[in-house]
N, C-alpha and C. Protein backbone atom coordinates (compact mmCIF):
# COMPACT_ATOMS: atom_id res chain seq x y z
N LEU A 1 105.23 137.24 132.22
CA LEU A 1 104.48 137.52 133.42
C LEU A 1 104.94 136.53 134.49
N LYS A 2 105.27 137.07 135.66
CA LYS A 2 105.70 136.22 136.78
C LYS A 2 105.14 136.80 138.07
N MET A 3 105.27 136.06 139.14
CA MET A 3 104.82 136.55 140.45
C MET A 3 105.91 137.41 141.08
N ASN A 4 105.50 138.44 141.83
CA ASN A 4 106.48 139.28 142.52
C ASN A 4 107.12 138.51 143.67
N ASN A 5 108.11 139.15 144.33
CA ASN A 5 108.86 138.48 145.41
C ASN A 5 107.97 138.09 146.58
N ALA A 6 106.91 138.87 146.82
CA ALA A 6 105.99 138.55 147.92
C ALA A 6 104.99 137.48 147.53
N ALA A 7 104.99 137.08 146.27
CA ALA A 7 104.10 136.06 145.73
C ALA A 7 102.63 136.43 145.89
N ASN A 8 102.32 137.74 145.79
CA ASN A 8 100.93 138.14 145.94
C ASN A 8 100.41 138.97 144.75
N ALA A 9 101.25 139.18 143.73
CA ALA A 9 100.80 139.96 142.57
C ALA A 9 101.67 139.62 141.36
N PRO A 10 101.05 139.56 140.18
CA PRO A 10 101.85 139.33 138.97
C PRO A 10 102.58 140.60 138.53
N GLU A 11 103.72 140.40 137.88
CA GLU A 11 104.49 141.52 137.34
C GLU A 11 105.26 141.04 136.12
N TRP A 12 105.67 141.98 135.27
CA TRP A 12 106.46 141.63 134.10
C TRP A 12 107.91 141.48 134.52
N GLY A 13 108.60 140.50 133.96
CA GLY A 13 110.00 140.30 134.30
C GLY A 13 110.67 139.38 133.29
N THR A 14 111.95 139.13 133.52
CA THR A 14 112.73 138.24 132.68
C THR A 14 112.88 136.92 133.40
N ILE A 15 112.56 135.85 132.71
CA ILE A 15 112.68 134.52 133.30
C ILE A 15 113.81 133.79 132.57
N SER A 16 114.68 133.19 133.33
CA SER A 16 115.79 132.43 132.75
C SER A 16 115.23 131.29 131.90
N SER A 17 115.82 131.10 130.72
CA SER A 17 115.32 130.06 129.83
C SER A 17 116.11 128.75 129.94
N GLY A 18 117.13 128.70 130.74
CA GLY A 18 117.87 127.47 130.91
C GLY A 18 118.85 127.22 129.77
N GLU A 19 119.34 125.99 129.67
CA GLU A 19 120.33 125.64 128.67
C GLU A 19 119.73 125.53 127.26
N TYR A 20 118.46 125.09 127.18
CA TYR A 20 117.76 124.96 125.90
C TYR A 20 116.42 125.68 125.97
N SER A 21 115.94 126.12 124.84
CA SER A 21 114.59 126.65 124.74
C SER A 21 113.91 126.03 123.53
N VAL A 22 112.58 126.01 123.56
CA VAL A 22 111.82 125.46 122.44
C VAL A 22 111.86 126.48 121.30
N HIS A 23 112.37 126.05 120.18
CA HIS A 23 112.49 126.91 119.00
C HIS A 23 111.28 126.76 118.08
N LYS A 24 110.75 125.53 117.98
CA LYS A 24 109.64 125.27 117.05
C LYS A 24 108.92 124.00 117.46
N ILE A 25 107.60 124.01 117.29
CA ILE A 25 106.77 122.82 117.46
C ILE A 25 105.95 122.68 116.19
N GLN A 26 105.91 121.48 115.64
CA GLN A 26 105.19 121.26 114.40
C GLN A 26 104.60 119.84 114.41
N LYS A 27 103.47 119.66 113.70
CA LYS A 27 102.80 118.36 113.69
C LYS A 27 102.02 118.20 112.39
N TYR A 28 101.96 116.96 111.90
CA TYR A 28 101.01 116.63 110.83
C TYR A 28 100.26 115.37 111.24
N THR A 29 99.06 115.19 110.68
CA THR A 29 98.31 113.95 110.84
C THR A 29 97.85 113.50 109.46
N TYR A 30 97.60 112.21 109.35
CA TYR A 30 97.23 111.63 108.07
C TYR A 30 96.39 110.39 108.35
N SER A 31 95.36 110.14 107.54
CA SER A 31 94.47 109.02 107.85
C SER A 31 94.17 108.11 106.67
N THR A 32 94.92 108.18 105.59
CA THR A 32 94.67 107.31 104.45
C THR A 32 95.41 105.99 104.63
N ASN A 33 94.70 104.88 104.43
CA ASN A 33 95.28 103.55 104.55
C ASN A 33 96.39 103.34 103.52
N VAL A 34 97.51 102.77 103.96
CA VAL A 34 98.64 102.46 103.08
C VAL A 34 99.02 101.01 103.33
N GLY A 35 98.94 100.18 102.29
CA GLY A 35 99.29 98.77 102.41
C GLY A 35 100.78 98.55 102.24
N GLY A 36 101.28 97.54 102.94
CA GLY A 36 102.68 97.18 102.82
C GLY A 36 102.83 95.67 102.78
N ASN A 37 103.46 95.16 101.74
CA ASN A 37 103.61 93.71 101.58
C ASN A 37 105.07 93.30 101.56
N GLY A 38 105.33 92.06 101.93
CA GLY A 38 106.68 91.51 101.86
C GLY A 38 107.61 92.10 102.90
N GLN A 39 108.87 91.76 102.78
CA GLN A 39 109.88 92.32 103.68
C GLN A 39 110.44 93.57 103.02
N ASN A 40 110.19 94.72 103.64
CA ASN A 40 110.56 95.99 103.05
C ASN A 40 110.92 96.96 104.17
N ALA A 41 112.09 97.57 104.08
CA ALA A 41 112.55 98.49 105.11
C ALA A 41 111.97 99.89 104.96
N TYR A 42 111.27 100.18 103.85
CA TYR A 42 110.68 101.52 103.68
C TYR A 42 109.34 101.45 102.97
N HIS A 43 108.32 101.96 103.63
CA HIS A 43 107.02 102.21 103.02
C HIS A 43 106.69 103.68 103.28
N ASP A 44 106.29 104.37 102.22
CA ASP A 44 105.87 105.77 102.36
C ASP A 44 104.46 105.77 102.91
N ILE A 45 104.34 105.96 104.23
CA ILE A 45 103.03 105.94 104.87
C ILE A 45 102.55 107.34 105.22
N ALA A 46 103.31 108.37 104.85
CA ALA A 46 102.99 109.75 105.23
C ALA A 46 102.17 110.49 104.18
N GLY A 47 102.00 109.92 102.99
CA GLY A 47 101.17 110.54 101.98
C GLY A 47 101.64 111.91 101.53
N GLY A 48 102.95 112.12 101.50
CA GLY A 48 103.49 113.42 101.09
C GLY A 48 103.58 114.44 102.20
N ASN A 49 103.11 114.10 103.38
CA ASN A 49 103.24 114.99 104.53
C ASN A 49 104.66 114.93 105.08
N TYR A 50 105.14 116.05 105.56
CA TYR A 50 106.46 116.10 106.19
C TYR A 50 106.53 117.30 107.12
N LEU A 51 107.50 117.26 108.00
CA LEU A 51 107.79 118.37 108.90
C LEU A 51 109.12 118.97 108.49
N THR A 52 109.33 120.23 108.81
CA THR A 52 110.55 120.94 108.42
C THR A 52 111.27 121.44 109.67
N PHE A 53 112.59 121.24 109.70
CA PHE A 53 113.39 121.85 110.76
C PHE A 53 114.68 122.38 110.16
N ASN A 54 115.24 123.39 110.82
CA ASN A 54 116.44 124.06 110.36
C ASN A 54 117.30 124.32 111.59
N PRO A 55 118.32 123.50 111.84
CA PRO A 55 119.14 123.70 113.05
C PRO A 55 119.78 125.09 113.09
N THR A 56 119.70 125.72 114.25
CA THR A 56 120.36 127.02 114.41
C THR A 56 121.84 126.83 114.75
N SER A 57 122.17 125.66 115.29
CA SER A 57 123.56 125.29 115.56
C SER A 57 123.64 123.78 115.64
N THR A 58 124.85 123.25 115.65
CA THR A 58 125.02 121.80 115.76
C THR A 58 124.79 121.32 117.20
N ASN A 59 124.51 122.24 118.12
CA ASN A 59 124.20 121.87 119.51
C ASN A 59 122.70 121.70 119.75
N ASP A 60 121.86 122.02 118.76
CA ASP A 60 120.42 121.83 118.88
C ASP A 60 120.09 120.34 118.87
N PHE A 61 118.85 120.01 119.24
CA PHE A 61 118.36 118.65 119.02
C PHE A 61 116.87 118.70 118.71
N ILE A 62 116.41 117.64 118.04
CA ILE A 62 115.03 117.53 117.62
C ILE A 62 114.42 116.31 118.32
N PHE A 63 113.27 116.51 118.96
CA PHE A 63 112.51 115.40 119.54
C PHE A 63 111.35 115.09 118.60
N PHE A 64 111.23 113.82 118.20
CA PHE A 64 110.14 113.37 117.34
C PHE A 64 109.23 112.42 118.13
N SER A 65 107.94 112.52 117.88
CA SER A 65 106.97 111.58 118.44
C SER A 65 105.98 111.24 117.32
N GLY A 66 105.93 109.95 116.95
CA GLY A 66 105.07 109.54 115.86
C GLY A 66 104.28 108.28 116.19
N TRP A 67 103.20 108.04 115.44
CA TRP A 67 102.37 106.87 115.65
C TRP A 67 101.65 106.50 114.36
N SER A 68 101.29 105.24 114.24
CA SER A 68 100.45 104.76 113.15
C SER A 68 99.63 103.57 113.65
N VAL A 69 98.34 103.57 113.33
CA VAL A 69 97.48 102.43 113.61
C VAL A 69 97.78 101.39 112.52
N VAL A 70 98.06 100.15 112.93
CA VAL A 70 98.51 99.12 111.98
C VAL A 70 97.64 97.88 112.14
N TYR A 71 97.35 97.25 111.01
CA TYR A 71 96.62 95.98 110.99
C TYR A 71 97.44 94.97 110.20
N ASP A 72 97.65 93.78 110.78
CA ASP A 72 98.29 92.67 110.08
C ASP A 72 97.24 91.60 109.85
N ALA A 73 97.06 91.21 108.58
CA ALA A 73 95.98 90.31 108.20
C ALA A 73 96.25 88.85 108.51
N ALA A 74 97.49 88.46 108.71
CA ALA A 74 97.80 87.04 108.91
C ALA A 74 98.98 86.89 109.85
N SER A 75 99.20 85.66 110.29
CA SER A 75 100.32 85.40 111.19
C SER A 75 101.65 85.54 110.46
N ALA A 76 102.71 85.52 111.21
CA ALA A 76 104.07 85.64 110.69
C ALA A 76 104.27 86.95 109.93
N SER A 77 103.78 88.02 110.51
CA SER A 77 104.01 89.33 109.92
C SER A 77 104.34 90.32 111.03
N GLY A 78 104.86 91.45 110.64
CA GLY A 78 105.23 92.46 111.62
C GLY A 78 105.78 93.68 110.93
N GLY A 79 106.34 94.56 111.72
CA GLY A 79 106.88 95.78 111.13
C GLY A 79 107.30 96.79 112.16
N ALA A 80 107.49 98.01 111.68
CA ALA A 80 107.96 99.09 112.53
C ALA A 80 107.58 100.43 111.91
N VAL A 81 107.62 101.47 112.72
CA VAL A 81 107.57 102.84 112.23
C VAL A 81 108.81 103.56 112.75
N TYR A 82 109.28 104.51 111.96
CA TYR A 82 110.48 105.25 112.33
C TYR A 82 110.46 106.60 111.61
N VAL A 83 111.32 107.50 112.05
CA VAL A 83 111.45 108.80 111.40
C VAL A 83 112.47 108.68 110.28
N ASN A 84 112.11 109.22 109.14
CA ASN A 84 112.96 109.24 107.94
C ASN A 84 113.17 110.72 107.59
N TYR A 85 114.43 111.16 107.43
CA TYR A 85 114.64 112.57 107.12
C TYR A 85 115.73 112.77 106.06
N GLY A 86 115.66 113.92 105.40
CA GLY A 86 116.64 114.28 104.38
C GLY A 86 116.53 115.75 104.05
N THR A 87 117.24 116.18 103.02
CA THR A 87 117.27 117.59 102.64
C THR A 87 116.36 117.92 101.47
N SER A 88 115.52 116.98 101.07
CA SER A 88 114.57 117.20 99.99
C SER A 88 113.17 116.87 100.49
N THR A 89 112.16 117.57 99.97
CA THR A 89 110.78 117.26 100.34
C THR A 89 110.33 115.93 99.77
N THR A 90 111.06 115.41 98.80
CA THR A 90 110.76 114.10 98.22
C THR A 90 111.58 113.05 98.98
N LEU A 91 111.04 112.59 100.10
CA LEU A 91 111.75 111.63 100.93
C LEU A 91 111.58 110.23 100.36
N SER A 92 112.61 109.38 100.56
CA SER A 92 112.57 108.03 100.00
C SER A 92 113.37 107.07 100.87
N SER A 93 113.50 105.85 100.40
CA SER A 93 114.23 104.83 101.15
C SER A 93 115.71 105.15 101.30
N SER A 94 116.25 106.03 100.48
CA SER A 94 117.68 106.36 100.56
C SER A 94 117.98 107.44 101.60
N ASP A 95 116.96 108.01 102.23
CA ASP A 95 117.19 109.04 103.25
C ASP A 95 117.56 108.41 104.59
N THR A 96 117.84 109.24 105.57
CA THR A 96 118.37 108.79 106.86
C THR A 96 117.25 108.34 107.78
N LYS A 97 117.42 107.16 108.36
CA LYS A 97 116.45 106.58 109.28
C LYS A 97 116.88 106.88 110.72
N VAL A 98 115.93 107.31 111.54
CA VAL A 98 116.19 107.58 112.96
C VAL A 98 115.49 106.50 113.77
N GLN A 99 116.21 105.82 114.60
CA GLN A 99 115.72 104.73 115.45
C GLN A 99 114.93 103.69 114.66
N TYR A 100 115.50 103.27 113.58
CA TYR A 100 114.93 102.16 112.82
C TYR A 100 115.47 100.88 113.43
N HIS A 101 114.58 100.03 113.92
CA HIS A 101 114.99 98.82 114.63
C HIS A 101 114.74 97.54 113.84
N GLY A 102 114.45 97.66 112.56
CA GLY A 102 114.31 96.49 111.72
C GLY A 102 112.87 96.06 111.51
N THR A 103 112.68 95.21 110.51
CA THR A 103 111.34 94.78 110.13
C THR A 103 110.73 93.81 111.14
N HIS A 104 111.54 93.24 112.04
CA HIS A 104 111.03 92.32 113.06
C HIS A 104 110.75 93.02 114.39
N SER A 105 110.93 94.31 114.48
CA SER A 105 110.88 94.96 115.79
C SER A 105 109.51 94.88 116.46
N ASN A 106 108.45 94.73 115.70
CA ASN A 106 107.10 94.49 116.23
C ASN A 106 106.53 93.34 115.43
N TYR A 107 106.59 92.15 116.00
CA TYR A 107 106.28 90.95 115.24
C TYR A 107 105.11 90.22 115.88
N CYS A 108 104.16 89.77 115.07
CA CYS A 108 103.01 89.02 115.61
C CYS A 108 103.06 87.60 115.07
N GLY A 109 104.00 86.83 115.56
CA GLY A 109 104.30 85.50 115.06
C GLY A 109 103.13 84.56 114.87
N GLY A 110 102.21 84.43 115.82
CA GLY A 110 101.15 83.46 115.67
C GLY A 110 99.76 84.06 115.51
N ALA A 111 99.65 85.34 115.60
CA ALA A 111 98.33 85.97 115.56
C ALA A 111 97.92 86.32 114.15
N SER A 112 96.63 86.30 113.90
CA SER A 112 96.09 86.87 112.67
C SER A 112 95.04 87.88 113.09
N ASP A 113 94.68 88.76 112.20
CA ASP A 113 93.81 89.88 112.56
C ASP A 113 94.38 90.63 113.76
N PHE A 114 95.59 91.09 113.62
CA PHE A 114 96.31 91.74 114.71
C PHE A 114 96.29 93.25 114.51
N TYR A 115 95.60 93.95 115.41
CA TYR A 115 95.50 95.42 115.38
C TYR A 115 96.36 96.00 116.48
N ARG A 116 97.06 97.09 116.18
CA ARG A 116 97.90 97.74 117.19
C ARG A 116 98.22 99.16 116.74
N THR A 117 98.75 99.94 117.64
CA THR A 117 99.29 101.25 117.30
C THR A 117 100.79 101.18 117.55
N LEU A 118 101.57 101.47 116.52
CA LEU A 118 103.02 101.50 116.66
C LEU A 118 103.45 102.94 116.93
N TYR A 119 104.39 103.10 117.86
CA TYR A 119 104.88 104.42 118.25
C TYR A 119 106.38 104.50 118.00
N ASN A 120 106.84 105.70 117.77
CA ASN A 120 108.27 105.97 117.71
C ASN A 120 108.52 107.32 118.36
N ASN A 121 109.29 107.32 119.43
CA ASN A 121 109.73 108.55 120.09
C ASN A 121 111.25 108.54 120.00
N SER A 122 111.80 109.58 119.42
CA SER A 122 113.25 109.58 119.21
C SER A 122 113.81 110.99 119.31
N ILE A 123 115.09 111.05 119.63
CA ILE A 123 115.82 112.31 119.72
C ILE A 123 116.91 112.29 118.66
N LEU A 124 116.95 113.37 117.88
CA LEU A 124 117.97 113.53 116.85
C LEU A 124 118.90 114.67 117.26
N PRO A 125 120.13 114.37 117.71
CA PRO A 125 121.09 115.45 117.95
C PRO A 125 121.48 116.07 116.62
N CYS A 126 121.61 117.37 116.58
CA CYS A 126 121.97 118.07 115.34
C CYS A 126 123.48 118.15 115.13
N SER A 127 124.24 117.41 115.92
CA SER A 127 125.70 117.47 115.84
C SER A 127 126.24 117.05 114.48
N GLY A 128 125.56 116.19 113.77
CA GLY A 128 126.02 115.76 112.45
C GLY A 128 125.34 116.49 111.30
N LEU A 129 124.54 117.50 111.61
CA LEU A 129 123.79 118.23 110.59
C LEU A 129 124.42 119.59 110.34
N SER A 130 123.97 120.25 109.30
CA SER A 130 124.49 121.59 108.96
C SER A 130 123.53 122.66 109.45
N ALA A 131 124.02 123.55 110.30
CA ALA A 131 123.21 124.67 110.76
C ALA A 131 122.82 125.53 109.57
N GLY A 132 121.57 126.00 109.57
CA GLY A 132 121.08 126.84 108.48
C GLY A 132 120.54 126.06 107.29
N THR A 133 120.54 124.75 107.34
CA THR A 133 120.03 123.91 106.25
C THR A 133 118.63 123.42 106.60
N ASN A 134 117.72 123.44 105.64
CA ASN A 134 116.39 122.89 105.85
C ASN A 134 116.44 121.36 105.73
N TYR A 135 115.83 120.70 106.71
CA TYR A 135 115.67 119.25 106.70
C TYR A 135 114.17 118.94 106.75
N TYR A 136 113.81 117.82 106.16
CA TYR A 136 112.42 117.41 106.08
C TYR A 136 112.30 116.01 106.67
N ALA A 137 111.23 115.78 107.46
CA ALA A 137 111.07 114.51 108.16
C ALA A 137 109.65 113.98 107.99
N GLU A 138 109.55 112.66 107.90
CA GLU A 138 108.27 111.97 107.81
C GLU A 138 108.32 110.74 108.71
N LEU A 139 107.15 110.20 109.03
CA LEU A 139 107.10 108.89 109.67
C LEU A 139 106.99 107.87 108.54
N ALA A 140 107.85 106.87 108.56
CA ALA A 140 107.87 105.82 107.53
C ALA A 140 107.57 104.48 108.19
N GLY A 141 107.24 103.48 107.38
CA GLY A 141 106.94 102.16 107.89
C GLY A 141 107.84 101.10 107.29
N ALA A 142 107.96 100.00 108.01
CA ALA A 142 108.71 98.83 107.53
C ALA A 142 107.85 97.60 107.80
N THR A 143 107.96 96.58 106.92
CA THR A 143 107.18 95.36 107.09
C THR A 143 108.05 94.12 106.99
N HIS A 144 107.60 93.08 107.69
CA HIS A 144 108.18 91.76 107.55
C HIS A 144 107.03 90.78 107.48
N ASN A 145 106.80 90.24 106.30
CA ASN A 145 105.79 89.20 106.15
C ASN A 145 106.05 88.45 104.85
N THR A 146 105.29 87.43 104.63
CA THR A 146 105.48 86.59 103.44
C THR A 146 104.37 86.85 102.43
N GLY A 147 104.17 88.12 102.10
CA GLY A 147 103.14 88.48 101.14
C GLY A 147 101.82 88.83 101.78
N ASN A 148 101.70 88.62 103.09
CA ASN A 148 100.46 88.99 103.77
C ASN A 148 100.40 90.50 103.95
N ASN A 149 99.25 91.05 103.81
CA ASN A 149 99.10 92.48 103.82
C ASN A 149 99.20 93.06 105.24
N SER A 150 100.01 94.08 105.39
CA SER A 150 100.05 94.89 106.59
C SER A 150 99.56 96.27 106.19
N ASP A 151 98.58 96.78 106.90
CA ASP A 151 98.03 98.10 106.58
C ASP A 151 98.46 99.11 107.62
N PHE A 152 99.11 100.17 107.18
CA PHE A 152 99.45 101.30 108.04
C PHE A 152 98.30 102.31 107.94
N ASN A 153 98.09 103.09 108.99
CA ASN A 153 97.04 104.11 109.05
C ASN A 153 95.66 103.47 108.90
N HIS A 154 95.51 102.28 109.43
CA HIS A 154 94.31 101.46 109.24
C HIS A 154 93.11 102.05 109.99
N ALA A 155 91.95 101.97 109.36
CA ALA A 155 90.71 102.46 109.97
C ALA A 155 90.20 101.43 110.97
N VAL A 156 90.23 101.77 112.23
CA VAL A 156 89.73 100.91 113.29
C VAL A 156 88.68 101.72 114.05
N ASN A 157 87.42 101.29 113.93
CA ASN A 157 86.33 101.99 114.61
C ASN A 157 86.39 103.48 114.32
N SER A 158 86.10 104.31 115.29
CA SER A 158 86.15 105.76 115.07
C SER A 158 87.52 106.29 115.48
N ILE A 159 88.01 107.23 114.74
CA ILE A 159 89.32 107.83 114.99
C ILE A 159 89.12 109.28 115.40
N GLY A 160 89.83 109.71 116.40
CA GLY A 160 89.73 111.08 116.87
C GLY A 160 90.39 112.07 115.93
N SER A 161 90.52 113.28 116.37
CA SER A 161 91.04 114.37 115.54
C SER A 161 92.52 114.22 115.22
N ASP A 162 93.24 113.34 115.90
CA ASP A 162 94.67 113.15 115.63
C ASP A 162 94.94 112.18 114.50
N GLY A 163 93.91 111.69 113.83
CA GLY A 163 94.10 110.82 112.68
C GLY A 163 94.59 109.44 113.06
N ARG A 164 94.93 108.68 112.04
CA ARG A 164 95.41 107.31 112.23
C ARG A 164 96.93 107.23 112.11
N HIS A 165 97.54 108.34 111.84
CA HIS A 165 98.99 108.42 111.66
C HIS A 165 99.37 109.87 111.96
N GLY A 166 100.47 110.06 112.62
CA GLY A 166 100.91 111.42 112.88
C GLY A 166 102.36 111.48 113.27
N LEU A 167 102.92 112.67 113.11
CA LEU A 167 104.30 112.92 113.53
C LEU A 167 104.37 114.33 114.08
N MET A 168 105.04 114.47 115.19
CA MET A 168 105.25 115.77 115.83
C MET A 168 106.75 115.96 116.05
N LEU A 169 107.20 117.20 115.94
CA LEU A 169 108.59 117.49 116.32
C LEU A 169 108.61 118.68 117.25
N ILE A 170 109.56 118.65 118.15
CA ILE A 170 109.90 119.79 118.99
C ILE A 170 111.38 120.06 118.77
N HIS A 171 111.68 121.25 118.26
CA HIS A 171 113.06 121.66 117.99
C HIS A 171 113.55 122.43 119.21
N TYR A 172 114.56 121.88 119.90
CA TYR A 172 115.18 122.53 121.06
C TYR A 172 116.45 123.23 120.60
N LYS A 173 116.49 124.52 120.84
CA LYS A 173 117.62 125.36 120.45
C LYS A 173 118.54 125.58 121.66
N LYS A 174 119.82 125.39 121.44
CA LYS A 174 120.82 125.65 122.48
C LYS A 174 120.90 127.15 122.74
N ASN A 175 120.75 127.56 123.98
CA ASN A 175 120.82 129.00 124.32
C ASN A 175 122.25 129.46 124.45
């Protein structure tokens, strides 16, 4: 539905979709607390939740947006969240990390009782992927501390309908 040339009445027509169009939008949320101790580049904070994408061509790209509410119990701790993806629904530390910036990327050197929300927004070009193959993605966590507990998906006051952890993808298909 679009406006006619006189801009005074709606009519059916064809609208140009540009160079890319949205092929798929998908999201999961999760709210169970997951503890992470020590220096570790992978914590499964998604609780078995994952998103699925299947590139239609190597010119497609995937936009990810994820978040987790995090609590660090003591000073000299920190961490990160990032997208982890692979070709199996059983994702692990051996799968591919997208925009992983290390265990120090969000560090609370002198603070204790440190509450925050960590975000990860990233773009995955499908140029290195196989068109027609199913890929699975989750939000994963990383920690840097000396045995002090870092909690991902932490319960802080009341949480809205988006949970304490979530990941969304938008698959853009090359036209």
